[in-house]
């Protein structure tokens, strides 16, 4: 079964064709990072307009790479939420138009569930599919959710962030330190130069599976002020960056260690309590090497994460999720609408 996936939830325009929910035949992604970098974050109006420019060439390119036509497909899966309303509308309306013109079934997909299904996209058919039940940590710029996946289509939300998402905290801390956007790769790169990390506070929220990262962000801000990094860092002062490169690196290292510590500790506690057979990482923050290493060192059960290109927003994960939803009988009508605040579970 071959599924065309379409993803436009934020600032990546993507289309992919996936076979049987696991084999990626094509996966094209047009990133808008350079457009938004000058603003230090996503500008929704710019994002939606760029999707309009890119969506048709991306869909055509994804099909062209496979040598398939629309008549060779079995269904269309599209992200319906969560995400930016204007961005989501572009993808949903294009998917509806294709479905109407071809008669192909349409399946609306939860973007967060899609991230989890990136772990079902296997390399050369050499690996086995994840074993269920599994606990999934979905960590991205907009979300930090801890989810129990008992079976396909059976998700239970265990915990979520009460304030900043992990990826959002990376972006804000990178801005404080003058490291640029996006924050995740910038902080990871800076941390490699640290002789030793600063110790930064952790918000444990005892008795809960929820997360909080606003406190550590504020701690970094006060530390950066004390060291003279901020607010000079906001003005792109290269002299400040050179003179304070070591403390910036130390803060970066301490920050990602603290975030990884909280994410891994809470995830493993939940996995043990729920009797999970595996732990699944998902979302853009899953590409962070410190998080992966911490989980590798501490997890008593198998864990997996997608390769970096499948951690960020992409249509292959949407097609994979759509495949399993289709098999469960899910079909969307012409009244399919976007749900910007859609939750998982």
C-alpha atoms as a PDB file:
ATOM      1  CA  UNK A   1       0.000   0.000   0.000  1.00  0.00           C
ATOM      2  CA  UNK A   2       1.465   3.338  -1.074  1.00  0.00           C
ATOM      3  CA  UNK A   3       0.499   6.485   0.819  1.00  0.00           C
ATOM      4  CA  UNK A   4       1.181  10.075  -0.212  1.00  0.00           C
ATOM      5  CA  UNK A   5       1.923  12.137   2.889  1.00  0.00           C
ATOM      6  CA  UNK A   6       1.666  15.934   3.079  1.00  0.00           C
ATOM      7  CA  UNK A   7       3.067  17.986   5.976  1.00  0.00           C
ATOM      8  CA  UNK A   8       2.767  21.783   6.417  1.00  0.00           C
ATOM      9  CA  UNK A   9       2.213  22.255  10.135  1.00  0.00           C
ATOM     10  CA  UNK A  10       4.886  24.888  10.723  1.00  0.00           C
ATOM     11  CA  UNK A  11       7.770  25.999   8.501  1.00  0.00           C
ATOM     12  CA  UNK A  12       8.668  22.866   6.541  1.00  0.00           C
ATOM     13  CA  UNK A  13       6.808  22.060   3.343  1.00  0.00           C
ATOM     14  CA  UNK A  14       7.070  18.325   2.798  1.00  0.00           C
ATOM     15  CA  UNK A  15       5.610  15.533   0.673  1.00  0.00           C
ATOM     16  CA  UNK A  16       6.520  11.852   0.733  1.00  0.00           C
ATOM     17  CA  UNK A  17       5.473   8.482  -0.578  1.00  0.00           C
ATOM     18  CA  UNK A  18       5.737   5.583   1.873  1.00  0.00           C
ATOM     19  CA  UNK A  19       5.053   1.912   1.182  1.00  0.00           C
ATOM     20  CA  UNK A  20       3.307  -0.232   3.805  1.00  0.00           C
ATOM     21  CA  UNK A  21       3.982   2.256   6.568  1.00  0.00           C
ATOM     22  CA  UNK A  22       7.721   1.597   6.721  1.00  0.00           C
ATOM     23  CA  UNK A  23       9.580   1.941   3.400  1.00  0.00           C
ATOM     24  CA  UNK A  24      10.295   5.522   2.319  1.00  0.00           C
ATOM     25  CA  UNK A  25      10.084   5.804  -1.464  1.00  0.00           C
ATOM     26  CA  UNK A  26      10.534   9.579  -1.431  1.00  0.00           C
ATOM     27  CA  UNK A  27      10.587  12.330   1.179  1.00  0.00           C
ATOM     28  CA  UNK A  28      11.097  15.920   0.023  1.00  0.00           C
ATOM     29  CA  UNK A  29      11.408  18.731   2.571  1.00  0.00           C
ATOM     30  CA  UNK A  30      11.629  22.444   1.796  1.00  0.00           C
ATOM     31  CA  UNK A  31      12.871  24.249   4.898  1.00  0.00           C
ATOM     32  CA  UNK A  32      12.210  27.905   5.693  1.00  0.00           C
ATOM     33  CA  UNK A  33      14.921  28.226   8.357  1.00  0.00           C
ATOM     34  CA  UNK A  34      16.854  30.926   6.519  1.00  0.00           C
ATOM     35  CA  UNK A  35      13.699  33.010   5.998  1.00  0.00           C
ATOM     36  CA  UNK A  36      12.828  33.019   9.698  1.00  0.00           C
ATOM     37  CA  UNK A  37      16.365  33.143  11.147  1.00  0.00           C
ATOM     38  CA  UNK A  38      16.527  36.943  10.809  1.00  0.00           C
ATOM     39  CA  UNK A  39      13.502  37.215  13.122  1.00  0.00           C
ATOM     40  CA  UNK A  40      14.768  34.708  15.689  1.00  0.00           C
ATOM     41  CA  UNK A  41      11.681  32.519  15.295  1.00  0.00           C
ATOM     42  CA  UNK A  42       8.762  31.529  13.080  1.00  0.00           C
ATOM     43  CA  UNK A  43       6.651  34.308  11.561  1.00  0.00           C
ATOM     44  CA  UNK A  44       3.277  32.622  10.816  1.00  0.00           C
ATOM     45  CA  UNK A  45       2.281  34.840   7.872  1.00  0.00           C
ATOM     46  CA  UNK A  46       5.618  34.315   6.130  1.00  0.00           C
ATOM     47  CA  UNK A  47       5.399  30.568   6.774  1.00  0.00           C
ATOM     48  CA  UNK A  48       1.950  30.159   5.228  1.00  0.00           C
ATOM     49  CA  UNK A  49       2.822  32.242   2.158  1.00  0.00           C
ATOM     50  CA  UNK A  50       5.966  30.198   1.589  1.00  0.00           C
ATOM     51  CA  UNK A  51       3.946  26.968   1.816  1.00  0.00           C
ATOM     52  CA  UNK A  52       1.722  28.273  -0.967  1.00  0.00           C
ATOM     53  CA  UNK A  53       4.768  28.778  -3.182  1.00  0.00           C
ATOM     54  CA  UNK A  54       6.356  25.414  -2.441  1.00  0.00           C
ATOM     55  CA  UNK A  55       3.596  22.865  -1.960  1.00  0.00           C
ATOM     56  CA  UNK A  56       2.825  21.981  -5.608  1.00  0.00           C
ATOM     57  CA  UNK A  57       6.489  21.589  -6.702  1.00  0.00           C
ATOM     58  CA  UNK A  58       7.194  19.531  -3.584  1.00  0.00           C
ATOM     59  CA  UNK A  59       4.273  17.161  -4.170  1.00  0.00           C
ATOM     60  CA  UNK A  60       5.180  16.800  -7.841  1.00  0.00           C
ATOM     61  CA  UNK A  61       8.812  16.171  -6.917  1.00  0.00           C
ATOM     62  CA  UNK A  62       7.943  13.504  -4.348  1.00  0.00           C
ATOM     63  CA  UNK A  63       5.914  11.625  -6.955  1.00  0.00           C
ATOM     64  CA  UNK A  64       8.534  12.117  -9.655  1.00  0.00           C
ATOM     65  CA  UNK A  65      11.262  10.577  -7.485  1.00  0.00           C
ATOM     66  CA  UNK A  66       9.248   7.363  -7.187  1.00  0.00           C
ATOM     67  CA  UNK A  67       8.252   7.151 -10.828  1.00  0.00           C
ATOM     68  CA  UNK A  68       4.653   6.774  -9.663  1.00  0.00           C
ATOM     69  CA  UNK A  69       1.549   8.667 -10.692  1.00  0.00           C
ATOM     70  CA  UNK A  70      -1.445   9.591  -8.593  1.00  0.00           C
ATOM     71  CA  UNK A  71      -3.274   6.565  -9.978  1.00  0.00           C
ATOM     72  CA  UNK A  72      -0.632   4.314  -8.372  1.00  0.00           C
ATOM     73  CA  UNK A  73      -1.412   5.565  -4.858  1.00  0.00           C
ATOM     74  CA  UNK A  74      -3.814   4.040  -2.353  1.00  0.00           C
ATOM     75  CA  UNK A  75      -4.536   7.034  -0.093  1.00  0.00           C
ATOM     76  CA  UNK A  76      -3.478  10.539   0.918  1.00  0.00           C
ATOM     77  CA  UNK A  77      -2.488  11.393   4.488  1.00  0.00           C
ATOM     78  CA  UNK A  78      -2.219  14.993   5.604  1.00  0.00           C
ATOM     79  CA  UNK A  79      -1.398  16.801   8.842  1.00  0.00           C
ATOM     80  CA  UNK A  80      -4.546  18.388  10.282  1.00  0.00           C
ATOM     81  CA  UNK A  81      -3.002  19.668  13.517  1.00  0.00           C
ATOM     82  CA  UNK A  82      -1.528  20.782  15.783  1.00  0.00           C
ATOM     83  CA  UNK A  83       0.368  23.642  14.194  1.00  0.00           C
ATOM     84  CA  UNK A  84      -0.007  27.103  12.712  1.00  0.00           C
ATOM     85  CA  UNK A  85      -3.504  27.554  11.300  1.00  0.00           C
ATOM     86  CA  UNK A  86      -2.409  29.241   8.070  1.00  0.00           C
ATOM     87  CA  UNK A  87       0.273  26.652   7.404  1.00  0.00           C
ATOM     88  CA  UNK A  88      -2.029  23.715   8.131  1.00  0.00           C
ATOM     89  CA  UNK A  89      -4.692  25.076   5.778  1.00  0.00           C
ATOM     90  CA  UNK A  90      -2.328  24.947   2.825  1.00  0.00           C
ATOM     91  CA  UNK A  91      -1.585  21.253   3.254  1.00  0.00           C
ATOM     92  CA  UNK A  92      -5.146  20.198   4.072  1.00  0.00           C
ATOM     93  CA  UNK A  93      -6.658  22.043   1.121  1.00  0.00           C
ATOM     94  CA  UNK A  94      -4.103  20.669  -1.333  1.00  0.00           C
ATOM     95  CA  UNK A  95      -4.708  17.139  -0.014  1.00  0.00           C
ATOM     96  CA  UNK A  96      -8.464  17.618  -0.380  1.00  0.00           C
ATOM     97  CA  UNK A  97      -8.035  18.869  -3.937  1.00  0.00           C
ATOM     98  CA  UNK A  98      -5.941  15.847  -4.916  1.00  0.00           C
ATOM     99  CA  UNK A  99      -8.379  13.463  -3.241  1.00  0.00           C
ATOM    100  CA  UNK A 100     -11.339  15.093  -4.984  1.00  0.00           C
ATOM    101  CA  UNK A 101      -9.646  14.959  -8.383  1.00  0.00           C
ATOM    102  CA  UNK A 102      -8.489  11.353  -8.065  1.00  0.00           C
ATOM    103  CA  UNK A 103     -11.085   9.712  -5.836  1.00  0.00           C
ATOM    104  CA  UNK A 104      -8.349   8.602  -3.438  1.00  0.00           C
ATOM    105  CA  UNK A 105      -9.263   8.180   0.257  1.00  0.00           C
ATOM    106  CA  UNK A 106      -8.236  11.056   2.525  1.00  0.00           C
ATOM    107  CA  UNK A 107      -6.859  10.529   6.047  1.00  0.00           C
ATOM    108  CA  UNK A 108      -6.305  13.396   8.483  1.00  0.00           C
ATOM    109  CA  UNK A 109      -3.308  12.811  10.764  1.00  0.00           C
ATOM    110  CA  UNK A 110      -2.335  14.151  14.179  1.00  0.00           C
ATOM    111  CA  UNK A 111       1.115  15.701  13.723  1.00  0.00           C
ATOM    112  CA  UNK A 112       2.258  14.490  17.162  1.00  0.00           C
ATOM    113  CA  UNK A 113       1.272  10.899  16.429  1.00  0.00           C
ATOM    114  CA  UNK A 114       3.114  11.317  13.151  1.00  0.00           C
ATOM    115  CA  UNK A 115       6.343  12.100  15.018  1.00  0.00           C
ATOM    116  CA  UNK A 116       6.007   8.826  16.929  1.00  0.00           C
ATOM    117  CA  UNK A 117       5.575   6.914  13.663  1.00  0.00           C
ATOM    118  CA  UNK A 118       8.918   8.166  12.410  1.00  0.00           C
ATOM    119  CA  UNK A 119      10.211   5.224  14.445  1.00  0.00           C
ATOM    120  CA  UNK A 120       8.372   2.844  12.101  1.00  0.00           C
ATOM    121  CA  UNK A 121      10.354   4.030   9.068  1.00  0.00           C
ATOM    122  CA  UNK A 122      13.004   1.343   8.816  1.00  0.00           C
ATOM    123  CA  UNK A 123      16.342   1.313   7.015  1.00  0.00           C
ATOM    124  CA  UNK A 124      16.493  -1.317   4.269  1.00  0.00           C
ATOM    125  CA  UNK A 125      14.070  -3.551   6.148  1.00  0.00           C
ATOM    126  CA  UNK A 126      16.887  -4.652   8.461  1.00  0.00           C
ATOM    127  CA  UNK A 127      15.293  -3.687  11.770  1.00  0.00           C
ATOM    128  CA  UNK A 128      12.189  -4.929  13.509  1.00  0.00           C
ATOM    129  CA  UNK A 129       9.230  -2.682  14.160  1.00  0.00           C
ATOM    130  CA  UNK A 130       8.910  -1.187  17.676  1.00  0.00           C
ATOM    131  CA  UNK A 131       7.349  -3.446  20.276  1.00  0.00           C
ATOM    132  CA  UNK A 132       4.204  -2.248  22.002  1.00  0.00           C
ATOM    133  CA  UNK A 133       3.254  -1.047  24.530  1.00  0.00           C
ATOM    134  CA  UNK A 134       5.828   1.722  24.316  1.00  0.00           C
ATOM    135  CA  UNK A 135       6.326   5.070  26.012  1.00  0.00           C
ATOM    136  CA  UNK A 136       7.060   7.861  23.545  1.00  0.00           C
ATOM    137  CA  UNK A 137       8.705  11.175  24.352  1.00  0.00           C
ATOM    138  CA  UNK A 138       7.635  13.768  21.769  1.00  0.00           C
ATOM    139  CA  UNK A 139       9.947  16.763  22.173  1.00  0.00           C
ATOM    140  CA  UNK A 140       9.945  19.627  19.685  1.00  0.00           C
ATOM    141  CA  UNK A 141       9.791  23.392  19.442  1.00  0.00           C
ATOM    142  CA  UNK A 142       6.105  23.488  20.220  1.00  0.00           C
ATOM    143  CA  UNK A 143       5.502  20.354  22.280  1.00  0.00           C
ATOM    144  CA  UNK A 144       6.944  18.197  25.012  1.00  0.00           C
ATOM    145  CA  UNK A 145       4.534  15.296  25.544  1.00  0.00           C
ATOM    146  CA  UNK A 146       4.998  11.947  27.259  1.00  0.00           C
ATOM    147  CA  UNK A 147       2.675   9.370  25.713  1.00  0.00           C
ATOM    148  CA  UNK A 148       1.805   5.717  26.325  1.00  0.00           C
ATOM    149  CA  UNK A 149       1.182   3.903  23.046  1.00  0.00           C
ATOM    150  CA  UNK A 150      -0.585   0.614  23.788  1.00  0.00           C
ATOM    151  CA  UNK A 151      -1.391  -0.184  20.171  1.00  0.00           C
ATOM    152  CA  UNK A 152      -1.835   1.519  16.825  1.00  0.00           C
ATOM    153  CA  UNK A 153      -4.390   4.263  17.294  1.00  0.00           C
ATOM    154  CA  UNK A 154      -4.344   3.831  21.095  1.00  0.00           C
ATOM    155  CA  UNK A 155      -2.478   6.760  22.652  1.00  0.00           C
ATOM    156  CA  UNK A 156      -2.741   8.006  26.244  1.00  0.00           C
ATOM    157  CA  UNK A 157      -1.222  11.323  27.264  1.00  0.00           C
ATOM    158  CA  UNK A 158       0.792  10.852  30.469  1.00  0.00           C
ATOM    159  CA  UNK A 159       2.326  14.296  30.801  1.00  0.00           C
ATOM    160  CA  UNK A 160       3.094  17.479  28.923  1.00  0.00           C
ATOM    161  CA  UNK A 161       4.957  20.739  29.412  1.00  0.00           C
ATOM    162  CA  UNK A 162       3.322  23.277  31.673  1.00  0.00           C
ATOM    163  CA  UNK A 163       5.115  26.200  30.054  1.00  0.00           C
ATOM    164  CA  UNK A 164       7.939  26.234  27.486  1.00  0.00           C
ATOM    165  CA  UNK A 165       8.431  23.162  25.320  1.00  0.00           C
ATOM    166  CA  UNK A 166      11.958  21.724  25.327  1.00  0.00           C
ATOM    167  CA  UNK A 167      12.684  22.904  21.788  1.00  0.00           C
ATOM    168  CA  UNK A 168      11.299  26.341  22.568  1.00  0.00           C
ATOM    169  CA  UNK A 169      13.626  26.556  25.574  1.00  0.00           C
ATOM    170  CA  UNK A 170      16.585  25.651  23.331  1.00  0.00           C
ATOM    171  CA  UNK A 171      15.641  28.490  20.964  1.00  0.00           C
ATOM    172  CA  UNK A 172      15.226  31.039  23.759  1.00  0.00           C
ATOM    173  CA  UNK A 173      18.467  30.081  25.505  1.00  0.00           C
ATOM    174  CA  UNK A 174      20.340  30.226  22.204  1.00  0.00           C
ATOM    175  CA  UNK A 175      18.981  33.748  21.693  1.00  0.00           C
ATOM    176  CA  UNK A 176      20.101  34.779  25.182  1.00  0.00           C
ATOM    177  CA  UNK A 177      23.595  33.474  24.450  1.00  0.00           C
ATOM    178  CA  UNK A 178      23.724  35.033  20.976  1.00  0.00           C
ATOM    179  CA  UNK A 179      24.034  31.668  19.222  1.00  0.00           C
ATOM    180  CA  UNK A 180      21.357  32.231  16.579  1.00  0.00           C
ATOM    181  CA  UNK A 181      18.369  30.277  15.319  1.00  0.00           C
ATOM    182  CA  UNK A 182      17.461  27.424  15.373  1.00  0.00           C
ATOM    183  CA  UNK A 183      18.678  26.934  18.909  1.00  0.00           C
ATOM    184  CA  UNK A 184      19.046  23.169  19.147  1.00  0.00           C
ATOM    185  CA  UNK A 185      21.933  22.672  16.695  1.00  0.00           C
ATOM    186  CA  UNK A 186      23.589  25.932  17.840  1.00  0.00           C
ATOM    187  CA  UNK A 187      23.628  24.938  21.521  1.00  0.00           C
ATOM    188  CA  UNK A 188      24.807  21.410  20.724  1.00  0.00           C
ATOM    189  CA  UNK A 189      27.705  22.809  18.676  1.00  0.00           C
ATOM    190  CA  UNK A 190      28.699  25.347  21.339  1.00  0.00           C
ATOM    191  CA  UNK A 191      28.554  22.716  24.096  1.00  0.00           C
ATOM    192  CA  UNK A 192      31.250  20.670  22.363  1.00  0.00           C
ATOM    193  CA  UNK A 193      33.775  23.424  23.173  1.00  0.00           C
ATOM    194  CA  UNK A 194      33.090  23.448  26.931  1.00  0.00           C
ATOM    195  CA  UNK A 195      35.841  22.379  29.329  1.00  0.00           C
ATOM    196  CA  UNK A 196      33.164  21.689  31.926  1.00  0.00           C
ATOM    197  CA  UNK A 197      29.414  22.395  32.120  1.00  0.00           C
ATOM    198  CA  UNK A 198      27.694  24.824  34.434  1.00  0.00           C
ATOM    199  CA  UNK A 199      25.315  23.108  36.826  1.00  0.00           C
ATOM    200  CA  UNK A 200      21.821  24.417  36.172  1.00  0.00           C
ATOM    201  CA  UNK A 201      18.572  23.729  38.083  1.00  0.00           C
ATOM    202  CA  UNK A 202      16.040  21.049  37.179  1.00  0.00           C
ATOM    203  CA  UNK A 203      12.268  21.323  37.631  1.00  0.00           C
ATOM    204  CA  UNK A 204      11.165  17.836  38.684  1.00  0.00           C
ATOM    205  CA  UNK A 205       7.459  18.468  39.417  1.00  0.00           C
ATOM    206  CA  UNK A 206       7.376  15.499  41.782  1.00  0.00           C
ATOM    207  CA  UNK A 207       4.373  13.196  41.515  1.00  0.00           C
ATOM    208  CA  UNK A 208       3.673  14.268  37.947  1.00  0.00           C
ATOM    209  CA  UNK A 209       4.743  13.264  34.436  1.00  0.00           C
ATOM    210  CA  UNK A 210       4.601  16.933  33.381  1.00  0.00           C
ATOM    211  CA  UNK A 211       7.585  19.053  32.391  1.00  0.00           C
ATOM    212  CA  UNK A 212       8.641  22.661  32.982  1.00  0.00           C
ATOM    213  CA  UNK A 213      11.530  24.450  31.289  1.00  0.00           C
ATOM    214  CA  UNK A 214      10.804  28.109  32.005  1.00  0.00           C
ATOM    215  CA  UNK A 215      12.831  27.990  35.228  1.00  0.00           C
ATOM    216  CA  UNK A 216      16.045  26.816  33.612  1.00  0.00           C
ATOM    217  CA  UNK A 217      15.599  29.424  30.882  1.00  0.00           C
ATOM    218  CA  UNK A 218      15.360  32.145  33.550  1.00  0.00           C
ATOM    219  CA  UNK A 219      18.410  30.725  35.354  1.00  0.00           C
ATOM    220  CA  UNK A 220      20.402  30.974  32.112  1.00  0.00           C
ATOM    221  CA  UNK A 221      19.231  34.565  31.625  1.00  0.00           C
ATOM    222  CA  UNK A 222      20.428  35.620  35.104  1.00  0.00           C
ATOM    223  CA  UNK A 223      23.737  33.794  34.641  1.00  0.00           C
ATOM    224  CA  UNK A 224      24.271  35.411  31.228  1.00  0.00           C
ATOM    225  CA  UNK A 225      23.620  38.853  32.759  1.00  0.00           C
ATOM    226  CA  UNK A 226      26.070  38.206  35.598  1.00  0.00           C
ATOM    227  CA  UNK A 227      28.775  37.163  33.138  1.00  0.00           C
ATOM    228  CA  UNK A 228      28.182  40.102  30.772  1.00  0.00           C
ATOM    229  CA  UNK A 229      26.949  37.928  27.934  1.00  0.00           C
ATOM    230  CA  UNK A 230      23.461  39.424  27.892  1.00  0.00           C
ATOM    231  CA  UNK A 231      22.203  41.867  26.583  1.00  0.00           C
ATOM    232  CA  UNK A 232      25.359  42.371  24.478  1.00  0.00           C
ATOM    233  CA  UNK A 233      24.593  39.046  22.757  1.00  0.00           C
ATOM    234  CA  UNK A 234      21.381  40.486  21.287  1.00  0.00           C
ATOM    235  CA  UNK A 235      23.367  42.949  19.181  1.00  0.00           C
ATOM    236  CA  UNK A 236      25.596  40.371  17.510  1.00  0.00           C
ATOM    237  CA  UNK A 237      28.739  41.681  19.220  1.00  0.00           C
ATOM    238  CA  UNK A 238      31.485  39.362  17.896  1.00  0.00           C
ATOM    239  CA  UNK A 239      33.971  40.689  20.462  1.00  0.00           C
ATOM    240  CA  UNK A 240      31.707  39.506  23.279  1.00  0.00           C
ATOM    241  CA  UNK A 241      31.361  36.106  21.620  1.00  0.00           C
ATOM    242  CA  UNK A 242      35.143  35.724  21.338  1.00  0.00           C
ATOM    243  CA  UNK A 243      35.973  36.905  24.862  1.00  0.00           C
ATOM    244  CA  UNK A 244      33.181  34.917  26.479  1.00  0.00           C
ATOM    245  CA  UNK A 245      33.274  31.832  24.243  1.00  0.00           C
ATOM    246  CA  UNK A 246      34.185  29.521  27.129  1.00  0.00           C
ATOM    247  CA  UNK A 247      31.362  30.552  29.527  1.00  0.00           C
ATOM    248  CA  UNK A 248      28.891  30.476  26.622  1.00  0.00           C
ATOM    249  CA  UNK A 249      30.031  26.930  25.866  1.00  0.00           C
ATOM    250  CA  UNK A 250      29.804  25.947  29.543  1.00  0.00           C
ATOM    251  CA  UNK A 251      26.269  27.303  29.840  1.00  0.00           C
ATOM    252  CA  UNK A 252      25.270  25.530  26.629  1.00  0.00           C
ATOM    253  CA  UNK A 253      26.658  22.234  27.902  1.00  0.00           C
ATOM    254  CA  UNK A 254      25.013  22.615  31.298  1.00  0.00           C
ATOM    255  CA  UNK A 255      21.703  23.556  29.742  1.00  0.00           C
ATOM    256  CA  UNK A 256      21.398  20.557  27.452  1.00  0.00           C
ATOM    257  CA  UNK A 257      22.614  18.190  30.196  1.00  0.00           C
ATOM    258  CA  UNK A 258      19.911  19.507  32.556  1.00  0.00           C
ATOM    259  CA  UNK A 259      17.161  19.250  29.927  1.00  0.00           C
ATOM    260  CA  UNK A 260      18.244  15.735  28.945  1.00  0.00           C
ATOM    261  CA  UNK A 261      18.377  14.694  32.604  1.00  0.00           C
ATOM    262  CA  UNK A 262      14.766  15.716  33.221  1.00  0.00           C
ATOM    263  CA  UNK A 263      13.448  14.296  29.944  1.00  0.00           C
ATOM    264  CA  UNK A 264      15.162  10.926  30.372  1.00  0.00           C
ATOM    265  CA  UNK A 265      14.417  10.525  34.090  1.00  0.00           C
ATOM    266  CA  UNK A 266      10.709  11.186  33.686  1.00  0.00           C
ATOM    267  CA  UNK A 267      10.453   9.065  30.548  1.00  0.00           C
ATOM    268  CA  UNK A 268      12.122   6.046  32.153  1.00  0.00           C
ATOM    269  CA  UNK A 269      10.039   6.355  35.321  1.00  0.00           C
ATOM    270  CA  UNK A 270       6.877   6.355  33.207  1.00  0.00           C
ATOM    271  CA  UNK A 271       8.102   3.438  31.090  1.00  0.00           C
ATOM    272  CA  UNK A 272       8.745   1.316  34.170  1.00  0.00           C
ATOM    273  CA  UNK A 273       5.399   2.188  35.730  1.00  0.00           C
ATOM    274  CA  UNK A 274       3.491   1.418  32.514  1.00  0.00           C
ATOM    275  CA  UNK A 275       5.314  -1.807  31.711  1.00  0.00           C
ATOM    276  CA  UNK A 276       6.610  -0.471  28.393  1.00  0.00           C
ATOM    277  CA  UNK A 277       8.659  -2.775  26.190  1.00  0.00           C
ATOM    278  CA  UNK A 278      10.425   0.101  24.449  1.00  0.00           C
ATOM    279  CA  UNK A 279      11.057   3.813  24.713  1.00  0.00           C
ATOM    280  CA  UNK A 280      10.586   5.883  21.563  1.00  0.00           C
ATOM    281  CA  UNK A 281      12.071   9.327  21.011  1.00  0.00           C
ATOM    282  CA  UNK A 282      10.320  11.643  18.571  1.00  0.00           C
ATOM    283  CA  UNK A 283      10.373  15.281  17.466  1.00  0.00           C
ATOM    284  CA  UNK A 284      13.156  17.707  16.649  1.00  0.00           C
ATOM    285  CA  UNK A 285      14.789  17.544  20.086  1.00  0.00           C
ATOM    286  CA  UNK A 286      15.230  13.781  19.576  1.00  0.00           C
ATOM    287  CA  UNK A 287      18.101  14.695  17.241  1.00  0.00           C
ATOM    288  CA  UNK A 288      20.091  16.108  20.189  1.00  0.00           C
ATOM    289  CA  UNK A 289      23.139  13.907  20.817  1.00  0.00           C
ATOM    290  CA  UNK A 290      23.220  14.634  24.557  1.00  0.00           C
ATOM    291  CA  UNK A 291      19.629  13.425  24.948  1.00  0.00           C
ATOM    292  CA  UNK A 292      20.347  10.269  22.943  1.00  0.00           C
ATOM    293  CA  UNK A 293      23.539   9.520  24.869  1.00  0.00           C
ATOM    294  CA  UNK A 294      21.860  10.046  28.240  1.00  0.00           C
ATOM    295  CA  UNK A 295      19.062   7.663  27.292  1.00  0.00           C
ATOM    296  CA  UNK A 296      21.577   5.094  26.013  1.00  0.00           C
ATOM    297  CA  UNK A 297      23.474   5.206  29.302  1.00  0.00           C
ATOM    298  CA  UNK A 298      20.435   4.956  31.565  1.00  0.00           C
ATOM    299  CA  UNK A 299      17.667   2.993  29.846  1.00  0.00           C
ATOM    300  CA  UNK A 300      17.189  -0.591  31.118  1.00  0.00           C
ATOM    301  CA  UNK A 301      14.872  -1.388  28.183  1.00  0.00           C
ATOM    302  CA  UNK A 302      15.355  -1.036  24.412  1.00  0.00           C
ATOM    303  CA  UNK A 303      14.941   2.434  22.986  1.00  0.00           C
ATOM    304  CA  UNK A 304      15.005   3.890  19.513  1.00  0.00           C
ATOM    305  CA  UNK A 305      14.957   7.191  17.719  1.00  0.00           C
ATOM    306  CA  UNK A 306      14.665   8.187  14.057  1.00  0.00           C
ATOM    307  CA  UNK A 307      17.603   9.400  12.032  1.00  0.00           C
ATOM    308  CA  UNK A 308      17.929  13.217  12.287  1.00  0.00           C
ATOM    309  CA  UNK A 309      16.111  14.052   9.021  1.00  0.00           C
ATOM    310  CA  UNK A 310      13.068  12.143  10.318  1.00  0.00           C
ATOM    311  CA  UNK A 311      13.141  13.866  13.722  1.00  0.00           C
ATOM    312  CA  UNK A 312      12.249  17.234  12.215  1.00  0.00           C
ATOM    313  CA  UNK A 313       8.888  17.815  10.520  1.00  0.00           C
ATOM    314  CA  UNK A 314       8.555  15.629   7.438  1.00  0.00           C
ATOM    315  CA  UNK A 315       5.826  13.997   5.357  1.00  0.00           C
ATOM    316  CA  UNK A 316       7.204  10.433   5.548  1.00  0.00           C
ATOM    317  CA  UNK A 317       6.163  10.171   9.203  1.00  0.00           C
ATOM    318  CA  UNK A 318       2.698  11.501   8.285  1.00  0.00           C
ATOM    319  CA  UNK A 319       2.366   8.885   5.539  1.00  0.00           C
ATOM    320  CA  UNK A 320       3.456   6.134   7.944  1.00  0.00           C
ATOM    321  CA  UNK A 321       0.902   7.229  10.541  1.00  0.00           C
ATOM    322  CA  UNK A 322      -1.727   7.573   7.816  1.00  0.00           C
ATOM    323  CA  UNK A 323      -1.077   3.988   6.714  1.00  0.00           C
ATOM    324  CA  UNK A 324      -1.907   2.595  10.156  1.00  0.00           C
ATOM    325  CA  UNK A 325      -4.892   4.889  10.584  1.00  0.00           C
ATOM    326  CA  UNK A 326      -6.159   3.791   7.153  1.00  0.00           C
ATOM    327  CA  UNK A 327      -5.835   0.138   8.152  1.00  0.00           C
ATOM    328  CA  UNK A 328      -7.908   0.892  11.253  1.00  0.00           C
ATOM    329  CA  UNK A 329     -10.661   2.260   9.010  1.00  0.00           C
ATOM    330  CA  UNK A 330     -10.025   5.981   9.405  1.00  0.00           C
ATOM    331  CA  UNK A 331     -11.344   8.128   6.567  1.00  0.00           C
ATOM    332  CA  UNK A 332     -11.773  11.900   6.431  1.00  0.00           C
ATOM    333  CA  UNK A 333     -14.593  13.683   4.628  1.00  0.00           C
ATOM    334  CA  UNK A 334     -14.660  16.932   2.707  1.00  0.00           C
ATOM    335  CA  UNK A 335     -15.396  18.689   6.000  1.00  0.00           C
ATOM    336  CA  UNK A 336     -11.892  17.862   7.280  1.00  0.00           C
ATOM    337  CA  UNK A 337     -10.675  21.005   9.007  1.00  0.00           C
ATOM    338  CA  UNK A 338      -7.453  22.074  10.680  1.00  0.00           C
ATOM    339  CA  UNK A 339      -7.173  21.860  14.469  1.00  0.00           C
ATOM    340  CA  UNK A 340      -4.267  24.122  15.511  1.00  0.00           C
ATOM    341  CA  UNK A 341      -4.452  23.048  19.182  1.00  0.00           C
ATOM    342  CA  UNK A 342      -5.000  19.334  18.557  1.00  0.00           C
ATOM    343  CA  UNK A 343      -3.615  17.111  21.343  1.00  0.00           C
ATOM    344  CA  UNK A 344      -2.467  13.530  21.405  1.00  0.00           C
ATOM    345  CA  UNK A 345      -4.238  10.916  23.502  1.00  0.00           C
END
